[in-house]
Every structure is written in C-alpha cells, then in structure tokens.
Amino acid sequence: MILGGGITFFDGKYEVGNHTLKRLLKGFEIYRKTNAPIIISGGVIGKGISESAIMKDILVTFGVNINDIIVEDKARTTKENAIFVSKLLKGKNFENIILVTSFLHMKRSIMLFEKYSKKI
C-alpha cells in the first residue's frame, strides 16, 4: 500500500515529487521481494490527473505487472486514503498490508488505517 506524497506540473507534464518517488521505489522493492499486489492511493489535487494514475505509470515502467496494481484515485488526504482503501478492500482476502509512506506520517497513517478498516 503506497500513499501518494505529491505531484508537480513541470515542463508541460505532471511528475511525482521526491516524497512520492521515494515511496514508489520502496514499494517496488517490497513488490520484488514478495510478489504481492501493490495498492496505490492518491486522487486529484486541484486540476488535472490523479496522483495514483501517475504512480501507476511509473510502477509499470519499473516493471510491475499492470495486473498487480490496485488503484484508488479519489483520496486527497491520509484520512481519505484510509477510508477509500478500506472500502476498496472490503471482502477481499488481504491478511496484512505493508504501508509505505514517509516516516513522519507513518504513526498517523497507521492509526487512520486501523480505525477505518475496522469500520468497514
């Protein structure tokens, strides 16, 4: 589960920011070790394309099978990441999720995912 960390518009195209790129690299490293599907979460901030659409393209470029990517493209906050991903995974057979985000956001992210996964 990789949470978005920001995108920018540069030279006529959207790009992931440094935080998002670091998260994608860590998620890809975990994917290579586990072959587990990757869930990405990030919606549209402002105008344009969703953060998760850009993240998906980068993961495919890294070599992740497109069928191994689960996309949540509406969340704009960590709370919404937790709510929307929990709903997306309801009824699916996931025992554990490895959460990839920035160190400073990890404690709050875990708290929100635990809270909202129990409500679904």
Protein backbone atom coordinates (compact mmCIF):
# COMPACT_ATOMS: atom_id res chain seq x y z
CA MET A 1 0.00 0.00 0.00
CA ILE A 2 1.73 3.14 -1.24
CA LEU A 3 0.34 6.53 -0.28
CA GLY A 4 0.88 9.44 -2.64
CA GLY A 5 3.17 12.21 -1.49
CA GLY A 6 2.63 14.93 -4.05
CA ILE A 7 2.88 15.65 -7.75
CA THR A 8 4.07 18.69 -9.66
CA PHE A 9 3.44 20.15 -13.08
CA PHE A 10 6.78 20.73 -14.79
CA ASP A 11 7.71 21.44 -18.38
CA GLY A 12 4.21 20.73 -19.64
CA LYS A 13 3.65 17.45 -17.81
CA TYR A 14 2.82 16.04 -14.39
CA GLU A 15 5.58 14.40 -12.36
CA VAL A 16 5.73 12.81 -8.94
CA GLY A 17 7.52 14.74 -6.22
CA ASN A 18 10.53 13.42 -4.30
CA HIS A 19 8.40 12.03 -1.45
CA THR A 20 6.23 10.07 -3.85
CA LEU A 21 9.21 8.79 -5.82
CA LYS A 22 10.89 7.50 -2.65
CA ARG A 23 7.67 5.75 -1.67
CA LEU A 24 7.34 4.17 -5.12
CA LEU A 25 10.90 2.90 -5.01
CA LYS A 26 10.33 1.32 -1.57
CA GLY A 27 7.03 -0.19 -2.74
CA PHE A 28 8.74 -1.61 -5.80
CA GLU A 29 11.48 -3.10 -3.62
CA ILE A 30 8.83 -4.81 -1.47
CA TYR A 31 6.99 -6.00 -4.60
CA ARG A 32 10.17 -7.63 -5.95
CA LYS A 33 10.65 -9.49 -2.65
CA THR A 34 7.03 -10.56 -2.11
CA ASN A 35 5.23 -10.51 -5.49
CA ALA A 36 2.27 -9.15 -3.56
CA PRO A 37 -0.10 -6.76 -5.35
CA ILE A 38 0.55 -3.05 -4.91
CA ILE A 39 -2.25 -0.76 -3.82
CA ILE A 40 -1.70 2.90 -4.69
CA SER A 41 -3.80 5.73 -3.34
CA GLY A 42 -3.91 9.34 -4.44
CA GLY A 43 -6.56 11.48 -6.03
CA VAL A 44 -6.64 14.73 -7.95
CA ILE A 45 -5.32 17.71 -6.02
CA GLY A 46 -6.53 20.82 -7.79
CA LYS A 47 -6.92 20.23 -11.52
CA GLY A 48 -5.52 17.56 -13.74
CA ILE A 49 -4.71 13.90 -13.42
CA SER A 50 -4.89 11.77 -10.28
CA GLU A 51 -1.71 11.15 -8.36
CA SER A 52 -2.35 7.41 -8.48
CA ALA A 53 -2.52 7.44 -12.31
CA ILE A 54 0.98 8.89 -12.47
CA MET A 55 2.19 6.48 -9.77
CA LYS A 56 0.75 3.53 -11.72
CA ASP A 57 2.58 4.58 -14.90
CA ILE A 58 5.87 4.79 -13.00
CA LEU A 59 5.39 1.37 -11.39
CA VAL A 60 4.69 -0.17 -14.80
CA THR A 61 7.88 1.50 -16.09
CA PHE A 62 9.77 -0.09 -13.18
CA GLY A 63 8.49 -3.48 -14.32
CA VAL A 64 5.44 -4.09 -12.13
CA ASN A 65 2.77 -6.15 -13.89
CA ILE A 66 -0.20 -3.87 -14.51
CA ASN A 67 -2.49 -6.63 -13.17
CA ASP A 68 -0.66 -6.44 -9.82
CA ILE A 69 -1.63 -2.80 -9.27
CA ILE A 70 -4.82 -1.84 -7.44
CA VAL A 71 -5.71 1.83 -7.85
CA GLU A 72 -7.63 4.11 -5.52
CA ASP A 73 -7.86 7.51 -7.24
CA LYS A 74 -10.16 9.68 -5.14
CA ALA A 75 -8.29 10.29 -1.85
CA ARG A 76 -6.83 13.74 -1.25
CA THR A 77 -5.81 13.28 2.39
CA THR A 78 -4.39 10.49 4.54
CA LYS A 79 -7.79 10.09 6.19
CA GLU A 80 -9.41 9.65 2.78
CA ASN A 81 -6.64 7.19 1.80
CA ALA A 82 -7.65 5.07 4.79
CA ILE A 83 -11.40 5.34 4.19
CA PHE A 84 -11.36 4.68 0.44
CA VAL A 85 -8.76 1.89 0.51
CA SER A 86 -10.61 0.16 3.34
CA LYS A 87 -13.81 0.22 1.26
CA LEU A 88 -11.91 -0.93 -1.83
CA LEU A 89 -10.51 -3.94 0.03
CA LYS A 90 -13.73 -4.91 1.80
CA GLY A 91 -14.43 -8.58 1.18
CA LYS A 92 -11.06 -9.21 -0.43
CA ASN A 93 -8.63 -11.69 1.03
CA PHE A 94 -5.90 -9.48 2.49
CA GLU A 95 -4.50 -10.61 5.83
CA ASN A 96 -1.81 -7.95 6.15
CA ILE A 97 -0.92 -4.74 4.39
CA ILE A 98 2.55 -3.23 4.25
CA LEU A 99 2.04 0.52 4.42
CA VAL A 100 4.55 2.70 2.56
CA THR A 101 4.60 6.39 3.43
CA SER A 102 7.03 8.91 4.88
CA PHE A 103 8.45 8.31 8.35
CA LEU A 104 6.85 11.49 9.70
CA HIS A 105 3.41 10.36 8.51
CA MET A 106 3.65 6.69 9.49
CA LYS A 107 2.20 6.81 13.02
CA ARG A 108 -0.82 8.88 11.95
CA SER A 109 -1.31 6.77 8.81
CA ILE A 110 -1.31 3.50 10.76
CA MET A 111 -3.77 4.95 13.27
CA LEU A 112 -6.15 6.04 10.49
CA PHE A 113 -5.93 2.75 8.58
CA GLU A 114 -6.57 0.75 11.74
CA LYS A 115 -9.53 2.97 12.64
CA TYR A 116 -11.25 2.90 9.25
CA SER A 117 -10.52 -0.71 8.37
CA LYS A 118 -12.47 -1.73 11.47
CA LYS A 119 -15.48 0.38 10.46
CA ILE A 120 -15.89 -1.30 7.08
